[in-house]
Amino acid sequence: MKRLAFIFIVLSMIFPQLGLCHDVSSESYLDDNGNVRYIRGLKVNLQATTAPTATDDLSEGYRVGSIWVDVTNDKQYICVDHTEDAAVWEGPSAVTNPVLSGIVYGSEDADGELSLSSTTNATKGHVHIGGSDDTTDLEIGDYGFEHGGVNVGGTTYGSKLRIHAYATDAPAEVVIHRHSTTWPSLLLGVRANNNTTGHTAVTNNMDLLRIYGAGWTGSEYNLSSGIIFDMETTGTISDSSSPGRMLFQVTANGATVPTTAVTINSDKSVDFADRLTIQDTDWDDMRILPGAFDFAGSADPTLSDWQPGGSGATFKVYKFQKDNEVFASTQMSHAYKEGTDLELHIHWTPADRGNEESGAAVGWKVDYTIANVNGTFGSSSTADFSDTVTGTDDKHEITSAVVIDGTGLTISHMILMRIYRSDTGADDTWAGSTAAQSPAILEVDVHYEINTFGSSAQFTK
């Protein structure tokens, strides 16, 4: 009983806005806005054997907020007007359910739990403090029918702190707000490996903190995703070594229990339970270098000298006269985003004739055919890369890309190519006719989209 009355006094000091404190005396402390924050020397009667009367007033030391407990009849009262000879005491109310201005404050059950709740629905507590059943130390919000704990996936979580919200305009939020020049807001999970007041060191693979999200799935709440902070599976645990790990979990379609998708280890390596998928468009390229060219033995390009800038080292490049040709093949990467288009282009140089051939066209072309694994190669198509010399010696030129429809293409598809230079009438106006006076191919590229690091199986994505 004394414990309850003490709590009433504390509440009257903390919650003046509820109407528990109106009169201000020299013993009161006010904030800058004139609100009473506490009253020193507030008289209470916790051992009365009768109800208070109108003469139990200011002259007797009672004032607004004073508590009167009738221990004989198990009733309690609160002074709401301390006028001499006309004091008004609100009540009587049972000790288990005292009422003031629509607020049930100080409600105490057999387990010693204190509740502050609305009189419009006394089963829906707004604040619950304490409880010898050890289910909740502090519970805030309208808990509805889940005061005994929230059941998620068959496990009831009767936590030390629960925050509820039912109205659409009142989300169940947790805000950690701090003003500091040195410390941020902090959410910290701390664990010792024992069930007593002592401290035993945690062990490898022991969880320290879990954060989960759960949704109502029709008949119960089920976990959808979460983050686990734990100790590394391996490693030395001591006062000078605490190897940590983070596990990011999700629940798969058709399941109700989350499993680990991504693990960040103490050595900063990252493990993926499945392949990493890239949502945005990222590009890579397949490169066919001149060293990979196949030569038919006739109409071959010439391996010629090229000295960029006219001094320094001399390099070897394949220079293509009109109608010279080479052949090549390449296999698509397992990182390929299946079904997306390919973009084919050629890197080339006019070598030392950029100035002389300024404005001339070069008729680069590629015939190609493509087949998936276990597919059939079809008739070839021709990609026309006719390009114009920009007028600078030794420039790295690049043709416009020709888009190849990727519909139906999968990883590991093969591309066969015939790479050549030809003139179909006006698409090759290069004047130089000897091998030394011809343009050179530096590389043939196929740009393609990627969405993973590789594939989940050898021949399937």
Protein backbone atom coordinates (compact mmCIF):
# COMPACT_ATOMS: atom_id res chain seq x y z
CA MET A 1 0.00 0.00 0.00
CA LYS A 2 2.82 2.40 0.92
CA ARG A 3 4.55 1.55 -2.33
CA LEU A 4 1.41 2.47 -4.25
CA ALA A 5 0.91 5.76 -2.45
CA PHE A 6 4.53 6.68 -3.03
CA ILE A 7 4.08 6.05 -6.73
CA PHE A 8 0.98 8.31 -6.69
CA ILE A 9 3.05 11.10 -5.17
CA VAL A 10 5.77 10.69 -7.77
CA LEU A 11 3.21 10.67 -10.56
CA SER A 12 1.58 13.81 -9.23
CA MET A 13 4.96 15.49 -9.38
CA ILE A 14 5.72 14.25 -12.91
CA PHE A 15 2.30 14.70 -14.55
CA PRO A 16 0.90 18.11 -13.54
CA GLN A 17 -0.81 18.36 -16.90
CA LEU A 18 -3.16 15.57 -15.86
CA GLY A 19 -4.71 17.82 -13.27
CA LEU A 20 -2.90 16.28 -10.29
CA CYS A 21 -1.40 19.61 -9.17
CA HIS A 22 -3.10 22.99 -9.52
CA ASP A 23 -2.23 25.18 -6.56
CA VAL A 24 1.24 26.68 -6.56
CA SER A 25 2.91 27.66 -3.28
CA SER A 26 6.38 28.65 -2.17
CA GLU A 27 7.12 24.96 -1.87
CA SER A 28 6.43 24.32 -5.56
CA TYR A 29 8.94 24.23 -8.38
CA LEU A 30 7.80 25.71 -11.73
CA ASP A 31 9.46 25.48 -15.10
CA ASP A 32 9.90 28.42 -17.49
CA ASN A 33 6.35 27.96 -18.76
CA GLY A 34 4.77 28.07 -15.33
CA ASN A 35 4.10 24.34 -15.11
CA VAL A 36 4.44 22.63 -11.74
CA ARG A 37 7.19 20.03 -11.87
CA TYR A 38 7.12 18.90 -8.20
CA ILE A 39 5.86 20.00 -4.76
CA ARG A 40 8.00 19.62 -1.67
CA GLY A 41 6.19 18.81 1.59
CA LEU A 42 2.92 17.64 0.00
CA LYS A 43 0.93 16.12 2.85
CA VAL A 44 -0.61 12.66 2.45
CA ASN A 45 -2.51 10.32 4.77
CA LEU A 46 -1.70 6.70 4.02
CA GLN A 47 -3.10 5.18 7.23
CA ALA A 48 -6.57 6.74 7.58
CA THR A 49 -9.43 4.59 8.86
CA THR A 50 -12.23 6.80 7.50
CA ALA A 51 -12.93 8.89 4.44
CA PRO A 52 -11.71 12.52 4.27
CA THR A 53 -14.14 15.38 4.94
CA ALA A 54 -14.49 19.00 3.84
CA THR A 55 -12.46 20.11 6.86
CA ASP A 56 -9.45 18.10 5.77
CA ASP A 57 -8.31 21.22 3.95
CA LEU A 58 -5.41 23.64 3.53
CA SER A 59 -5.51 24.55 7.21
CA GLU A 60 -4.74 20.91 7.97
CA GLY A 61 -1.83 20.92 5.55
CA TYR A 62 -3.61 19.21 2.67
CA ARG A 63 -3.55 20.72 -0.81
CA VAL A 64 -4.45 19.80 -4.35
CA GLY A 65 -2.71 16.52 -5.15
CA SER A 66 -2.71 15.17 -1.59
CA ILE A 67 -3.50 11.47 -1.33
CA TRP A 68 -5.77 9.97 1.35
CA VAL A 69 -5.91 6.18 1.75
CA ASP A 70 -8.66 4.60 3.89
CA VAL A 71 -6.99 1.33 4.88
CA THR A 72 -10.11 0.10 6.67
CA ASN A 73 -12.32 0.20 3.60
CA ASP A 74 -9.57 -0.15 0.99
CA LYS A 75 -10.46 3.16 -0.66
CA GLN A 76 -8.34 6.05 -1.81
CA TYR A 77 -9.01 9.73 -2.47
CA ILE A 78 -7.20 12.67 -4.00
CA CYS A 79 -7.68 16.30 -3.09
CA VAL A 80 -8.84 18.41 -6.03
CA ASP A 81 -9.81 21.54 -4.02
CA HIS A 82 -8.21 22.46 -0.70
CA THR A 83 -10.41 25.50 0.19
CA GLU A 84 -10.76 25.80 3.99
CA ASP A 85 -13.89 24.06 5.29
CA ALA A 86 -14.86 23.20 1.68
CA ALA A 87 -12.19 20.78 0.59
CA VAL A 88 -13.15 18.44 -2.23
CA TRP A 89 -11.71 14.94 -2.35
CA GLU A 90 -12.16 12.90 -5.54
CA GLY A 91 -13.30 9.36 -4.79
CA PRO A 92 -13.84 7.03 -3.23
CA SER A 93 -12.18 4.60 -5.57
CA ALA A 94 -10.99 1.11 -4.91
CA VAL A 95 -7.28 0.93 -4.38
CA THR A 96 -7.11 -1.32 -7.41
CA ASN A 97 -8.80 1.26 -9.65
CA PRO A 98 -8.53 4.91 -8.48
CA VAL A 99 -9.92 7.42 -11.00
CA LEU A 100 -9.19 11.06 -11.78
CA SER A 101 -10.16 12.99 -14.95
CA GLY A 102 -10.53 9.85 -17.02
CA ILE A 103 -7.13 8.50 -16.02
CA VAL A 104 -6.71 5.27 -14.08
CA TYR A 105 -3.44 5.87 -12.28
CA GLY A 106 -1.74 3.69 -9.73
CA SER A 107 -3.68 0.53 -10.59
CA GLU A 108 -1.81 -2.28 -8.90
CA ASP A 109 -2.47 -6.00 -9.39
CA ALA A 110 -1.51 -8.92 -7.19
CA ASP A 111 1.88 -9.10 -8.85
CA GLY A 112 2.64 -5.49 -8.00
CA GLU A 113 2.22 -4.15 -11.53
CA LEU A 114 1.37 -0.47 -11.84
CA SER A 115 -0.83 0.71 -14.73
CA LEU A 116 -1.85 4.05 -16.16
CA SER A 117 -4.76 3.53 -18.53
CA SER A 118 -7.84 5.07 -20.06
CA THR A 119 -11.16 4.73 -18.24
CA THR A 120 -12.90 4.27 -21.59
CA ASN A 121 -11.29 0.86 -21.91
CA ALA A 122 -9.55 -0.20 -18.73
CA THR A 123 -8.21 -3.35 -20.39
CA LYS A 124 -6.12 -1.26 -22.76
CA GLY A 125 -3.32 0.12 -20.62
CA HIS A 126 -1.25 3.00 -21.83
CA VAL A 127 1.63 2.50 -19.42
CA HIS A 128 2.46 -0.58 -17.35
CA ILE A 129 5.37 -0.50 -14.96
CA GLY A 130 6.83 -3.46 -13.14
CA GLY A 131 5.34 -6.86 -12.52
CA SER A 132 6.62 -9.79 -10.48
CA ASP A 133 5.75 -12.18 -13.29
CA ASP A 134 8.84 -10.76 -15.05
CA THR A 135 7.00 -10.45 -18.37
CA THR A 136 7.32 -6.70 -18.70
CA ASP A 137 9.23 -3.99 -16.89
CA LEU A 138 7.86 -1.15 -19.01
CA GLU A 139 5.09 -1.31 -21.58
CA ILE A 140 3.88 1.74 -23.46
CA GLY A 141 0.87 2.00 -25.73
CA ASP A 142 -2.49 0.41 -26.43
CA TYR A 143 -1.68 -3.30 -26.29
CA GLY A 144 -5.14 -4.51 -27.27
CA PHE A 145 -5.30 -8.23 -26.55
CA GLU A 146 -1.55 -8.81 -26.56
CA HIS A 147 -0.57 -7.64 -23.10
CA GLY A 148 0.66 -11.16 -22.35
CA GLY A 149 3.22 -10.88 -25.15
CA VAL A 150 3.34 -10.93 -28.94
CA ASN A 151 3.43 -14.34 -30.60
CA VAL A 152 5.67 -14.49 -33.66
CA GLY A 153 6.16 -17.77 -35.47
CA GLY A 154 5.05 -19.77 -32.43
CA THR A 155 7.31 -17.89 -29.98
CA THR A 156 5.78 -15.44 -27.48
CA TYR A 157 7.90 -12.38 -26.88
CA GLY A 158 6.94 -10.99 -23.45
CA SER A 159 9.69 -8.43 -23.43
CA LYS A 160 11.04 -5.93 -20.96
CA LEU A 161 9.84 -3.11 -23.21
CA ARG A 162 6.94 -3.23 -25.64
CA ILE A 163 5.50 -0.30 -27.58
CA HIS A 164 2.12 -0.73 -29.26
CA ALA A 165 0.00 1.33 -31.65
CA TYR A 166 -3.35 0.56 -33.26
CA ALA A 167 -4.42 3.87 -34.81
CA THR A 168 -3.27 4.60 -38.35
CA ASP A 169 -2.01 8.02 -37.26
CA ALA A 170 -0.02 6.67 -34.34
CA PRO A 171 2.87 4.47 -35.48
CA ALA A 172 4.71 2.35 -32.94
CA GLU A 173 7.93 4.31 -33.13
CA VAL A 174 11.13 4.35 -31.14
CA VAL A 175 13.12 7.56 -31.36
CA ILE A 176 16.48 7.91 -29.65
CA HIS A 177 17.25 11.62 -29.39
CA ARG A 178 20.46 13.04 -28.02
CA HIS A 179 22.20 16.40 -27.80
CA SER A 180 25.93 15.89 -27.43
CA THR A 181 29.22 17.08 -28.85
CA THR A 182 30.83 13.69 -28.23
CA TRP A 183 28.25 10.87 -28.35
CA PRO A 184 25.68 9.81 -30.96
CA SER A 185 22.35 8.15 -30.19
CA LEU A 186 23.01 4.55 -29.27
CA LEU A 187 21.20 1.23 -29.50
CA LEU A 188 23.27 -1.39 -27.71
CA GLY A 189 22.73 -5.09 -27.07
CA VAL A 190 24.88 -6.44 -24.22
CA ARG A 191 25.14 -10.08 -23.14
CA ALA A 192 27.01 -12.17 -20.58
CA ASN A 193 26.98 -15.96 -20.84
CA ASN A 194 25.21 -16.81 -17.58
CA ASN A 195 21.83 -16.67 -15.81
CA THR A 196 23.09 -15.12 -12.57
CA THR A 197 24.35 -11.74 -11.47
CA GLY A 198 27.90 -12.85 -12.28
CA HIS A 199 29.64 -12.47 -15.62
CA THR A 200 30.78 -15.35 -17.82
CA ALA A 201 32.49 -14.75 -21.14
CA VAL A 202 30.46 -15.24 -24.30
CA THR A 203 31.51 -17.98 -26.72
CA ASN A 204 31.97 -18.28 -30.45
CA ASN A 205 28.80 -18.10 -32.53
CA MET A 206 26.76 -16.64 -29.63
CA ASP A 207 24.10 -14.06 -30.51
CA LEU A 208 24.44 -10.66 -28.86
CA LEU A 209 21.58 -8.71 -30.43
CA ARG A 210 18.78 -9.53 -32.87
CA ILE A 211 16.57 -7.09 -34.73
CA TYR A 212 13.60 -8.62 -36.57
CA GLY A 213 10.62 -7.52 -38.60
CA ALA A 214 7.40 -9.55 -38.52
CA GLY A 215 4.05 -9.26 -40.28
CA TRP A 216 0.56 -10.65 -39.70
CA THR A 217 0.14 -13.40 -42.30
CA GLY A 218 -3.50 -14.32 -41.77
CA SER A 219 -3.59 -16.21 -38.50
CA GLU A 220 -0.34 -15.24 -36.78
CA TYR A 221 2.71 -13.02 -36.96
CA ASN A 222 5.68 -14.44 -38.88
CA LEU A 223 9.23 -13.17 -39.20
CA SER A 224 10.17 -11.72 -42.57
CA SER A 225 13.71 -10.44 -42.10
CA GLY A 226 16.27 -9.53 -39.49
CA ILE A 227 19.81 -8.66 -38.52
CA ILE A 228 21.82 -10.70 -36.03
CA PHE A 229 24.91 -9.39 -34.27
CA ASP A 230 26.98 -12.22 -32.84
CA MET A 231 30.47 -13.44 -32.06
CA GLU A 232 32.52 -14.87 -34.92
CA THR A 233 32.29 -18.65 -35.39
CA THR A 234 36.04 -18.92 -35.03
CA GLY A 235 38.53 -16.63 -33.39
CA THR A 236 39.89 -15.86 -29.96
CA ILE A 237 37.57 -14.25 -27.42
CA SER A 238 39.30 -12.34 -24.64
CA ASP A 239 39.50 -8.87 -23.10
CA SER A 240 41.70 -7.88 -26.01
CA SER A 241 39.86 -9.76 -28.77
CA SER A 242 36.13 -9.80 -29.55
CA PRO A 243 35.75 -10.95 -33.17
CA GLY A 244 32.26 -9.98 -34.34
CA ARG A 245 29.98 -10.94 -37.18
CA MET A 246 26.73 -9.64 -38.72
CA LEU A 247 24.12 -11.88 -40.34
CA PHE A 248 21.39 -10.45 -42.57
CA GLN A 249 18.41 -12.79 -42.77
CA VAL A 250 15.32 -13.00 -44.98
CA THR A 251 12.40 -15.39 -45.17
CA ALA A 252 12.09 -17.09 -48.56
CA ASN A 253 8.84 -17.32 -50.50
CA GLY A 254 6.93 -20.33 -49.17
CA ALA A 255 8.74 -20.31 -45.80
CA THR A 256 8.03 -18.74 -42.39
CA VAL A 257 11.48 -18.73 -40.81
CA PRO A 258 14.25 -16.38 -41.99
CA THR A 259 17.62 -17.78 -42.99
CA THR A 260 20.94 -16.04 -43.47
CA ALA A 261 21.42 -14.39 -46.86
CA VAL A 262 24.54 -12.29 -46.22
CA THR A 263 27.25 -12.63 -43.58
CA ILE A 264 29.89 -10.01 -42.80
CA ASN A 265 32.78 -11.70 -41.02
CA SER A 266 35.33 -10.31 -38.59
CA ASP A 267 37.98 -10.21 -41.33
CA LYS A 268 35.58 -7.97 -43.33
CA SER A 269 34.95 -10.69 -45.91
CA VAL A 270 31.36 -10.99 -47.11
CA ASP A 271 29.62 -14.32 -47.67
CA PHE A 272 26.49 -14.64 -49.82
CA ALA A 273 24.20 -17.63 -49.32
CA ASP A 274 23.18 -17.20 -52.95
CA ARG A 275 24.64 -15.18 -55.81
CA LEU A 276 24.75 -11.39 -55.66
CA THR A 277 22.20 -9.85 -58.01
CA ILE A 278 22.73 -6.34 -59.39
CA GLN A 279 19.45 -4.47 -59.78
CA ASP A 280 20.72 -1.51 -61.81
CA THR A 281 22.27 -1.81 -65.27
CA ASP A 282 25.97 -2.61 -65.07
CA TRP A 283 28.08 -3.37 -68.12
CA ASP A 284 31.07 -5.52 -68.94
CA ASP A 285 32.65 -6.53 -72.23
CA MET A 286 33.99 -9.54 -74.09
CA ARG A 287 37.22 -8.52 -75.80
CA ILE A 288 38.53 -10.12 -78.94
CA LEU A 289 42.18 -9.08 -79.18
CA PRO A 290 44.10 -9.32 -82.46
CA GLY A 291 46.22 -12.05 -80.88
CA ALA A 292 43.07 -14.21 -80.84
CA PHE A 293 42.35 -13.73 -84.55
CA ASP A 294 42.21 -16.81 -86.77
CA PHE A 295 43.65 -16.36 -90.27
CA ALA A 296 42.36 -18.11 -93.37
CA GLY A 297 45.70 -17.92 -95.15
CA SER A 298 44.45 -15.61 -97.88
CA ALA A 299 43.29 -11.99 -97.65
CA ASP A 300 44.97 -11.86 -94.25
CA PRO A 301 45.75 -8.46 -92.70
CA THR A 302 49.42 -7.54 -92.40
CA LEU A 303 51.28 -7.42 -89.10
CA SER A 304 52.86 -4.00 -89.54
CA ASP A 305 55.08 -1.56 -87.66
CA TRP A 306 53.48 1.40 -85.84
CA GLN A 307 55.48 4.06 -84.03
CA PRO A 308 52.98 6.43 -82.34
CA GLY A 309 54.16 10.03 -82.37
CA GLY A 310 56.97 9.17 -84.79
CA SER A 311 59.48 8.32 -82.03
CA GLY A 312 59.97 5.89 -79.22
CA ALA A 313 59.06 2.21 -79.37
CA THR A 314 57.66 0.60 -82.47
CA PHE A 315 54.59 -1.63 -81.98
CA LYS A 316 53.07 -4.36 -84.13
CA VAL A 317 49.44 -4.02 -85.26
CA TYR A 318 47.30 -5.77 -87.87
CA LYS A 319 46.57 -3.34 -90.70
CA PHE A 320 43.60 -4.13 -92.92
CA GLN A 321 43.57 -3.40 -96.60
CA LYS A 322 40.23 -3.56 -98.35
CA ASP A 323 38.76 -7.08 -98.29
CA ASN A 324 41.21 -8.36 -95.66
CA GLU A 325 39.49 -10.62 -93.14
CA VAL A 326 40.06 -12.56 -89.90
CA PHE A 327 37.89 -14.94 -87.87
CA ALA A 328 37.16 -15.19 -84.14
CA SER A 329 34.83 -16.83 -81.63
CA THR A 330 33.92 -16.03 -78.03
CA GLN A 331 31.72 -17.40 -75.24
CA MET A 332 29.38 -15.25 -73.15
CA SER A 333 30.19 -14.79 -69.44
CA HIS A 334 28.14 -16.43 -66.67
CA ALA A 335 27.58 -12.93 -65.25
CA TYR A 336 25.46 -12.03 -68.31
CA LYS A 337 21.95 -10.74 -67.64
CA GLU A 338 20.09 -13.23 -69.74
CA GLY A 339 17.84 -11.93 -72.51
CA THR A 340 19.42 -8.47 -72.73
CA ASP A 341 20.84 -6.95 -75.90
CA LEU A 342 24.51 -7.06 -76.92
CA GLU A 343 26.36 -4.03 -78.27
CA LEU A 344 29.19 -4.76 -80.73
CA HIS A 345 31.84 -2.20 -81.71
CA ILE A 346 35.43 -1.94 -82.96
CA HIS A 347 38.44 -0.09 -81.54
CA TRP A 348 40.83 1.00 -84.33
CA THR A 349 43.45 3.56 -85.32
CA PRO A 350 44.42 5.33 -88.55
CA ALA A 351 48.00 5.06 -87.29
CA ASP A 352 50.17 7.70 -88.95
CA ARG A 353 47.63 8.54 -91.68
CA GLY A 354 44.99 10.27 -89.56
CA ASN A 355 45.81 13.64 -91.05
CA GLU A 356 46.06 12.43 -94.66
CA GLU A 357 42.78 10.45 -94.47
CA SER A 358 40.79 13.08 -92.55
CA GLY A 359 37.07 12.70 -93.33
CA ALA A 360 37.54 9.40 -95.18
CA ALA A 361 35.25 6.44 -94.40
CA VAL A 362 36.51 3.03 -93.33
CA GLY A 363 34.19 0.11 -94.09
CA TRP A 364 34.59 -2.09 -90.98
CA LYS A 365 32.13 -4.99 -90.88
CA VAL A 366 31.43 -8.14 -88.83
CA ASP A 367 29.42 -11.14 -89.93
CA TYR A 368 28.17 -13.10 -86.90
CA THR A 369 26.04 -16.03 -85.81
CA ILE A 370 25.03 -16.97 -82.24
CA ALA A 371 23.83 -20.14 -80.51
CA ASN A 372 22.97 -20.98 -76.87
CA VAL A 373 24.29 -24.13 -75.23
CA ASN A 374 22.58 -27.03 -77.07
CA GLY A 375 21.19 -24.48 -79.51
CA THR A 376 21.61 -24.24 -83.28
CA PHE A 377 23.68 -21.68 -85.17
CA GLY A 378 21.60 -19.84 -87.75
CA SER A 379 22.42 -17.92 -90.88
CA SER A 380 24.83 -15.06 -90.29
CA SER A 381 23.91 -11.40 -89.95
CA THR A 382 26.14 -8.44 -90.83
CA ALA A 383 26.99 -5.56 -88.51
CA ASP A 384 28.16 -2.48 -90.47
CA PHE A 385 30.62 -0.29 -88.54
CA SER A 386 31.61 2.16 -91.28
CA ASP A 387 33.41 4.97 -89.47
CA THR A 388 34.90 8.34 -90.40
CA VAL A 389 38.50 9.36 -89.74
CA THR A 390 38.54 12.35 -87.40
CA GLY A 391 41.80 13.74 -88.81
CA THR A 392 44.35 13.05 -86.06
CA ASP A 393 47.39 10.82 -86.43
CA ASP A 394 47.65 7.85 -84.05
CA LYS A 395 44.19 8.46 -82.54
CA HIS A 396 42.31 5.72 -80.71
CA GLU A 397 39.07 5.65 -82.71
CA ILE A 398 35.91 3.70 -81.77
CA THR A 399 32.97 2.92 -84.01
CA SER A 400 29.34 3.38 -83.10
CA ALA A 401 27.81 0.28 -81.54
CA VAL A 402 25.59 -2.12 -83.43
CA VAL A 403 22.87 -3.59 -81.19
CA ILE A 404 22.30 -7.35 -81.38
CA ASP A 405 18.90 -8.49 -80.15
CA GLY A 406 19.40 -10.52 -76.96
CA THR A 407 15.96 -12.08 -76.78
CA GLY A 408 16.31 -15.71 -75.72
CA LEU A 409 20.07 -15.52 -75.19
CA THR A 410 21.46 -17.26 -72.11
CA ILE A 411 24.82 -17.54 -70.41
CA SER A 412 27.58 -19.40 -72.27
CA HIS A 413 26.14 -18.68 -75.69
CA MET A 414 28.78 -18.70 -78.45
CA ILE A 415 29.38 -15.98 -81.04
CA LEU A 416 31.22 -16.78 -84.28
CA MET A 417 32.61 -13.77 -86.18
CA ARG A 418 34.12 -12.85 -89.53
CA ILE A 419 35.81 -9.45 -89.11
CA TYR A 420 36.75 -7.57 -92.28
CA ARG A 421 36.99 -4.30 -94.18
CA SER A 422 35.06 -3.86 -97.41
CA ASP A 423 33.55 -1.23 -99.68
CA THR A 424 29.96 -1.66 -100.74
CA GLY A 425 29.98 1.51 -102.81
CA ALA A 426 30.56 4.52 -100.59
CA ASP A 427 31.23 3.19 -97.10
CA ASP A 428 35.03 2.93 -97.54
CA THR A 429 36.73 5.93 -99.09
CA TRP A 430 40.15 5.44 -97.49
CA ALA A 431 42.76 6.44 -100.08
CA GLY A 432 45.87 4.53 -98.97
CA SER A 433 46.13 1.20 -100.80
CA THR A 434 49.25 -0.50 -99.41
CA ALA A 435 49.43 -2.44 -96.15
CA ALA A 436 51.61 0.24 -94.59
CA GLN A 437 49.03 2.89 -95.52
CA SER A 438 46.05 0.96 -94.09
CA PRO A 439 44.08 1.39 -90.80
CA ALA A 440 44.61 -1.09 -87.96
CA ILE A 441 42.14 -2.89 -85.68
CA LEU A 442 43.06 -2.71 -81.99
CA GLU A 443 40.21 -4.80 -80.56
CA VAL A 444 36.66 -6.01 -81.21
CA ASP A 445 34.35 -5.68 -78.21
CA VAL A 446 30.95 -7.01 -77.23
CA HIS A 447 29.36 -4.98 -74.42
CA TYR A 448 26.77 -6.84 -72.34
CA GLU A 449 24.75 -6.28 -69.18
CA ILE A 450 25.57 -8.16 -65.98
CA ASN A 451 23.43 -8.83 -62.90
CA THR A 452 25.44 -11.40 -60.92
CA PHE A 453 29.04 -12.37 -60.21
CA GLY A 454 28.41 -15.70 -61.91
CA SER A 455 25.78 -18.42 -62.20
CA SER A 456 24.23 -20.78 -59.66
CA ALA A 457 24.96 -23.82 -61.85
CA GLN A 458 27.53 -24.59 -64.53
CA PHE A 459 25.30 -23.96 -67.52
CA THR A 460 22.23 -22.24 -66.05
CA LYS A 461 21.85 -18.91 -64.36
